[in-house]
Protein backbone atom coordinates (compact mmCIF):
# COMPACT_ATOMS: atom_id res chain seq x y z
CA MET A 1 -0.29 0.18 0.06
CA PRO A 2 1.36 3.60 -0.91
CA GLU A 3 2.38 4.94 2.47
CA LEU A 4 3.02 8.98 2.97
CA PRO A 5 5.89 9.20 0.91
CA GLU A 6 4.63 7.46 -1.99
CA VAL A 7 1.93 10.09 -1.75
CA GLU A 8 3.75 12.69 -1.56
CA VAL A 9 5.81 11.92 -4.63
CA THR A 10 2.33 11.13 -6.33
CA ARG A 11 1.46 14.95 -5.02
CA ARG A 12 4.63 16.78 -6.38
CA ARG A 13 4.67 15.10 -10.08
CA LEU A 14 0.86 15.53 -10.31
CA ALA A 15 0.70 19.64 -9.03
CA PRO A 16 2.35 21.02 -11.90
CA ALA A 17 0.15 18.91 -14.43
CA TRP A 18 -3.20 19.74 -12.59
CA ILE A 19 -3.20 23.06 -10.57
CA GLY A 20 -4.30 25.86 -12.79
CA ARG A 21 -6.51 23.41 -15.06
CA ARG A 22 -10.19 23.78 -15.69
CA ILE A 23 -11.71 20.13 -15.81
CA THR A 24 -13.42 19.92 -19.17
CA ARG A 25 -14.89 16.54 -19.05
CA VAL A 26 -15.46 13.76 -16.27
CA VAL A 27 -15.64 10.23 -17.68
CA THR A 28 -16.27 7.65 -14.53
CA GLY A 29 -16.43 3.87 -14.38
CA PRO A 30 -19.92 2.15 -13.06
CA PRO A 31 -20.82 2.61 -9.10
CA SER A 32 -18.43 0.78 -6.82
CA TYR A 33 -16.87 1.23 -3.30
CA PHE A 34 -14.37 3.10 -5.11
CA PHE A 35 -16.67 6.06 -5.19
CA LEU A 36 -17.34 7.55 -1.80
CA THR A 37 -19.46 10.12 -3.93
CA ARG A 38 -21.70 8.26 -6.58
CA PRO A 39 -20.16 8.55 -10.07
CA ASP A 40 -23.23 11.08 -11.73
CA LEU A 41 -23.01 13.27 -8.72
CA LEU A 42 -19.17 13.42 -8.84
CA ALA A 43 -19.27 14.18 -12.63
CA ALA A 44 -21.58 17.16 -12.32
CA ARG A 45 -19.57 18.81 -9.71
CA LEU A 46 -16.32 18.72 -10.63
CA ARG A 47 -17.39 19.59 -14.57
CA GLY A 48 -15.96 23.19 -14.85
CA ARG A 49 -14.25 23.17 -11.86
CA VAL A 50 -10.58 25.03 -11.87
CA THR A 51 -8.14 23.18 -9.62
CA THR A 52 -6.13 25.69 -7.22
CA ASP A 53 -4.17 23.81 -4.89
CA LEU A 54 -3.25 19.94 -4.30
CA THR A 55 -2.06 18.91 -0.78
CA ARG A 56 -1.81 16.26 1.24
CA HIS A 57 -2.81 14.98 4.91
CA GLY A 58 -1.05 11.33 5.65
CA LYS A 59 -2.13 9.38 2.76
CA TYR A 60 -4.44 11.29 1.50
CA LEU A 61 -4.38 13.87 -1.50
CA LEU A 62 -6.76 16.51 -1.38
CA ALA A 63 -7.64 18.54 -4.51
CA ALA A 64 -9.24 22.05 -4.28
CA PHE A 65 -10.97 23.80 -6.44
CA ASP A 66 -12.21 27.54 -7.34
CA ASP A 67 -15.31 27.17 -5.51
CA GLY A 68 -14.15 25.96 -2.45
CA SER A 69 -15.34 22.43 -2.80
CA ARG A 70 -12.43 19.80 -3.09
CA LEU A 71 -11.66 16.06 -4.35
CA LEU A 72 -10.41 13.51 -1.78
CA CYS A 73 -8.09 10.93 -3.00
CA HIS A 74 -6.60 7.94 -1.33
CA LEU A 75 -5.01 5.39 -3.34
CA GLY A 76 -5.72 2.13 -1.43
CA MET A 77 -3.35 -0.57 -2.19
CA THR A 78 -2.92 -0.34 -6.02
CA GLY A 79 -4.14 2.77 -6.97
CA GLN A 80 -2.39 5.05 -9.88
CA LEU A 81 -2.98 8.82 -10.49
CA PHE A 82 -1.43 10.12 -13.34
CA THR A 83 -1.72 12.51 -16.27
CA CYS A 84 -1.33 11.79 -20.17
CA THR A 85 -2.37 13.25 -23.18
CA SER A 86 -6.17 13.24 -24.66
CA ALA A 87 -4.96 10.62 -26.93
CA GLU A 88 -3.83 8.44 -24.53
CA ALA A 89 -6.72 8.88 -22.28
CA ARG A 90 -8.86 7.70 -25.18
CA ARG A 91 -6.85 4.60 -25.34
CA TRP A 92 -6.67 4.08 -21.80
CA LEU A 93 -10.44 4.35 -21.99
CA GLY A 94 -10.96 2.13 -24.56
CA VAL A 95 -9.30 -1.13 -23.29
CA ASP A 96 -8.68 -0.81 -19.42
CA PRO A 97 -11.51 -1.39 -17.22
CA HIS A 98 -9.69 -0.44 -14.41
CA VAL A 99 -9.90 3.18 -15.02
CA HIS A 100 -12.49 4.24 -12.91
CA LEU A 101 -11.95 8.05 -12.97
CA ALA A 102 -10.47 10.41 -16.19
CA LEU A 103 -10.54 14.19 -16.10
CA ALA A 104 -9.87 16.02 -19.59
CA LEU A 105 -8.24 19.28 -18.52
CA ARG A 106 -7.60 22.78 -20.08
CA ASP A 107 -4.88 25.21 -19.23
CA PRO A 108 -5.39 28.53 -19.53
CA ALA A 109 -3.67 28.58 -23.26
CA GLY A 110 -5.85 26.15 -24.26
CA ALA A 111 -3.65 23.32 -24.10
CA ARG A 112 -5.37 19.77 -23.20
CA SER A 113 -4.18 17.00 -21.27
CA SER A 114 -5.89 14.16 -18.85
CA LEU A 115 -5.86 12.64 -15.75
CA LEU A 116 -6.41 9.27 -14.63
CA PHE A 117 -7.44 7.30 -11.82
CA ARG A 118 -6.13 3.60 -12.37
CA ASP A 119 -7.06 1.07 -9.32
CA VAL A 120 -6.94 -2.90 -10.16
CA ARG A 121 -8.33 -3.84 -6.53
CA LYS A 122 -10.79 -0.65 -6.21
CA PHE A 123 -9.62 -0.35 -2.36
CA GLY A 124 -8.81 3.60 -3.88
CA LYS A 125 -11.74 6.02 -2.75
CA VAL A 126 -12.51 9.61 -4.19
CA GLN A 127 -15.38 11.66 -2.64
CA TRP A 128 -16.37 15.04 -3.68
CA LEU A 129 -16.38 17.52 -0.52
CA ALA A 130 -18.51 20.45 -0.76
CA PRO A 131 -16.97 23.80 0.46
CA GLY A 132 -16.58 24.34 4.33
CA VAL A 133 -16.99 20.18 4.60
CA THR A 134 -14.26 17.95 6.40
CA ALA A 135 -14.17 14.39 5.40
CA GLU A 136 -14.95 12.12 8.08
CA ARG A 137 -11.81 10.05 7.13
CA LEU A 138 -9.51 13.04 7.54
CA ALA A 139 -11.38 13.87 10.93
CA LYS A 140 -10.58 10.96 12.50
CA MET A 141 -6.55 11.17 11.59
CA GLY A 142 -3.84 12.35 14.12
CA PRO A 143 -1.10 14.75 12.99
CA ASP A 144 0.92 14.13 9.48
CA ALA A 145 4.01 12.20 10.33
CA LEU A 146 6.36 14.61 9.00
CA ARG A 147 4.75 17.75 11.36
CA ILE A 148 3.98 15.76 14.21
CA THR A 149 5.81 17.32 17.48
CA PRO A 150 7.67 15.29 19.55
CA ARG A 151 5.42 16.14 22.66
CA ALA A 152 2.50 15.44 20.66
CA LEU A 153 3.41 11.92 19.66
CA HIS A 154 4.06 11.31 23.70
CA GLU A 155 0.96 12.51 24.99
CA ALA A 156 -0.65 10.24 22.12
CA LEU A 157 1.36 6.88 23.31
CA ALA A 158 1.00 7.48 27.50
CA GLN A 159 -2.14 5.48 27.49
CA ARG A 160 -1.46 3.07 25.07
CA GLY A 161 0.17 -0.49 26.08
CA ILE A 162 -0.02 -1.67 22.77
CA PRO A 163 3.70 -2.69 20.68
CA ILE A 164 4.80 0.58 19.23
CA LYS A 165 4.98 -0.72 16.14
CA THR A 166 1.40 -1.33 16.11
CA ALA A 167 0.58 2.33 17.58
CA LEU A 168 2.30 3.85 14.77
CA LEU A 169 0.53 2.09 12.21
CA ASP A 170 -2.64 3.61 14.38
CA GLN A 171 -3.48 6.78 11.85
CA SER A 172 -5.32 8.31 14.90
CA VAL A 173 -2.06 8.66 16.37
CA LEU A 174 -0.41 10.00 13.16
CA ALA A 175 -0.94 9.99 9.72
CA GLY A 176 0.81 8.77 6.70
CA VAL A 177 3.12 5.72 8.43
CA GLY A 178 2.49 2.26 7.13
CA ASN A 179 4.74 -1.15 7.71
CA ILE A 180 7.43 -0.37 5.67
CA TYR A 181 8.39 3.30 7.26
CA ALA A 182 7.44 1.86 10.49
CA ASP A 183 10.17 -0.81 10.69
CA GLU A 184 12.47 1.59 9.18
CA ALA A 185 12.26 4.53 11.52
CA LEU A 186 12.00 2.36 14.65
CA PHE A 187 15.37 0.64 13.54
CA LEU A 188 17.10 4.05 13.14
CA ALA A 189 15.60 5.12 16.84
CA ALA A 190 17.00 1.57 18.14
CA VAL A 191 13.37 0.94 19.43
CA PRO A 192 12.35 -2.46 19.32
CA PRO A 193 8.91 -2.71 17.83
CA THR A 194 7.58 -4.75 20.38
CA ARG A 195 7.64 -2.28 23.27
CA PRO A 196 4.72 -0.92 24.88
CA ALA A 197 4.12 2.51 23.49
CA ARG A 198 3.40 4.15 26.95
CA THR A 199 7.04 3.61 27.83
CA LEU A 200 8.34 5.67 25.59
CA SER A 201 10.16 8.84 27.18
CA LEU A 202 9.88 12.21 25.64
CA ALA A 203 13.44 11.92 24.78
CA GLU A 204 12.86 8.41 23.03
CA CYS A 205 10.08 10.30 21.28
CA GLU A 206 12.53 13.24 20.28
CA THR A 207 14.50 10.28 18.66
CA LEU A 208 11.74 8.56 16.89
CA VAL A 209 10.30 11.60 15.31
CA ARG A 210 13.81 12.53 13.82
CA SER A 211 14.12 8.91 12.66
CA LEU A 212 10.71 9.07 10.92
CA ARG A 213 11.06 12.27 9.17
CA ARG A 214 14.73 11.36 8.10
CA VAL A 215 13.30 8.13 6.60
CA LEU A 216 10.57 9.54 5.38
CA GLN A 217 12.29 12.73 3.41
CA ALA A 218 14.98 10.27 2.16
CA ALA A 219 12.23 7.73 0.95
CA ILE A 220 10.40 10.99 -0.81
CA ARG A 221 13.86 11.67 -2.39
CA ALA A 222 13.98 8.36 -3.83
CA GLY A 223 10.54 8.28 -5.01
CA GLY A 224 9.25 6.16 -2.50
CA SER A 225 9.47 2.72 -2.49
CA THR A 226 7.93 0.33 -5.23
CA ILE A 227 7.65 -3.37 -3.96
CA SER A 228 5.29 -4.33 -6.62
CA ASP A 229 2.48 -1.92 -8.35
CA PHE A 230 3.52 1.70 -7.26
CA ARG A 231 4.61 3.73 -10.15
CA GLY A 232 5.01 7.89 -9.72
CA ALA A 233 2.45 10.15 -11.48
CA ASP A 234 5.19 10.20 -14.16
CA GLY A 235 5.21 6.27 -14.48
CA ALA A 236 8.38 5.83 -12.75
CA PRO A 237 8.80 3.30 -10.12
CA GLY A 238 10.89 4.65 -6.72
CA SER A 239 14.02 3.61 -5.35
CA TYR A 240 13.94 3.58 -1.75
CA GLN A 241 13.47 -0.09 -1.82
CA ASP A 242 16.84 -0.47 -2.49
CA ASN A 243 17.86 1.41 0.73
CA HIS A 244 15.51 -0.38 3.19
CA ARG A 245 17.69 -1.29 6.31
CA VAL A 246 15.19 -4.12 8.31
CA TYR A 247 12.09 -4.11 6.29
CA GLY A 248 11.31 -7.17 4.02
CA ARG A 249 15.10 -8.52 5.17
CA PRO A 250 14.39 -11.36 7.13
CA GLY A 251 17.80 -13.67 7.85
CA LEU A 252 20.02 -10.78 6.07
CA PRO A 253 22.35 -9.64 7.99
CA CYS A 254 22.16 -6.29 9.97
CA PRO A 255 23.81 -3.40 8.17
CA THR A 256 24.99 -2.22 11.29
CA CYS A 257 26.09 -5.15 13.22
CA GLY A 258 25.48 -8.11 11.16
CA THR A 259 22.88 -9.70 13.59
CA PRO A 260 20.34 -11.58 11.33
CA ILE A 261 17.26 -9.92 11.09
CA ALA A 262 14.17 -11.05 12.82
CA ARG A 263 10.60 -11.14 11.81
CA VAL A 264 7.63 -11.41 14.16
CA VAL A 265 3.98 -10.59 13.57
CA LEU A 266 2.14 -7.60 15.16
CA ALA A 267 -1.66 -6.67 14.42
CA GLN A 268 -1.58 -9.24 11.52
CA ARG A 269 1.51 -7.32 10.16
CA SER A 270 4.92 -8.54 9.33
CA THR A 271 7.56 -6.53 11.48
CA HIS A 272 11.27 -6.52 10.70
CA PHE A 273 14.20 -5.43 13.35
CA CYS A 274 17.39 -6.04 14.42
CA PRO A 275 17.43 -8.14 17.94
CA ARG A 276 20.57 -6.68 18.91
CA CYS A 277 20.32 -3.08 17.84
CA GLN A 278 16.88 -2.49 18.91
CA ARG A 279 16.69 -3.96 22.56
């Protein structure tokens, strides 16, 4: 599943091709759980709108429009948002049933392009938000993982007896971190993933926040991690998977001490760590 770095990479690459463009036509697939706003209403609300901004919170993208409304997008597990020419969009729509949303765009000079949302497994989501309305999904989320403060993290963990790895995956604690970057940040912070979250001191939360930012920012610079499906908005895969220190490396030597990387299951998620460095 795309995590914060992959979504941020998508945002950065989409923004120049989407912001300032008018949506002249909307093509949707049939109703499905992909559409939190039914397709016909979504098309009616988006047609004619000019995109004024593209932001991100956690793993969600938010496109803002000239009438104050917004479009909430979540990539799910296999979702891809990308731009292409109008001719390419027609070819995609003609042969690929996994393209669920297509927006025809026109810039102020009259140049035309298209934005497509493709999702093989349909776990992605789109929702139109009226002006002034906050999505219920966003209201339940904690601070963005790149903006959370050590004190806020410490306070959020204070009453939680669950393992720290499980707490980091809880989007109400902090938004955007998933399995890959939780493992990588905990390794960098030298915190065992099984340790009860409430036992972390403020100083340890400061170290963990620094580690999270370091890992997430490095992954963004590398274009994210491509384990199977992820591609950026320009079709390029990420390369941060080549820099993973523990994630997906059970049995291989720790890059710091040489101890074999261990694997356990926490909250039904594979968890990787160094038994020696993270004690």
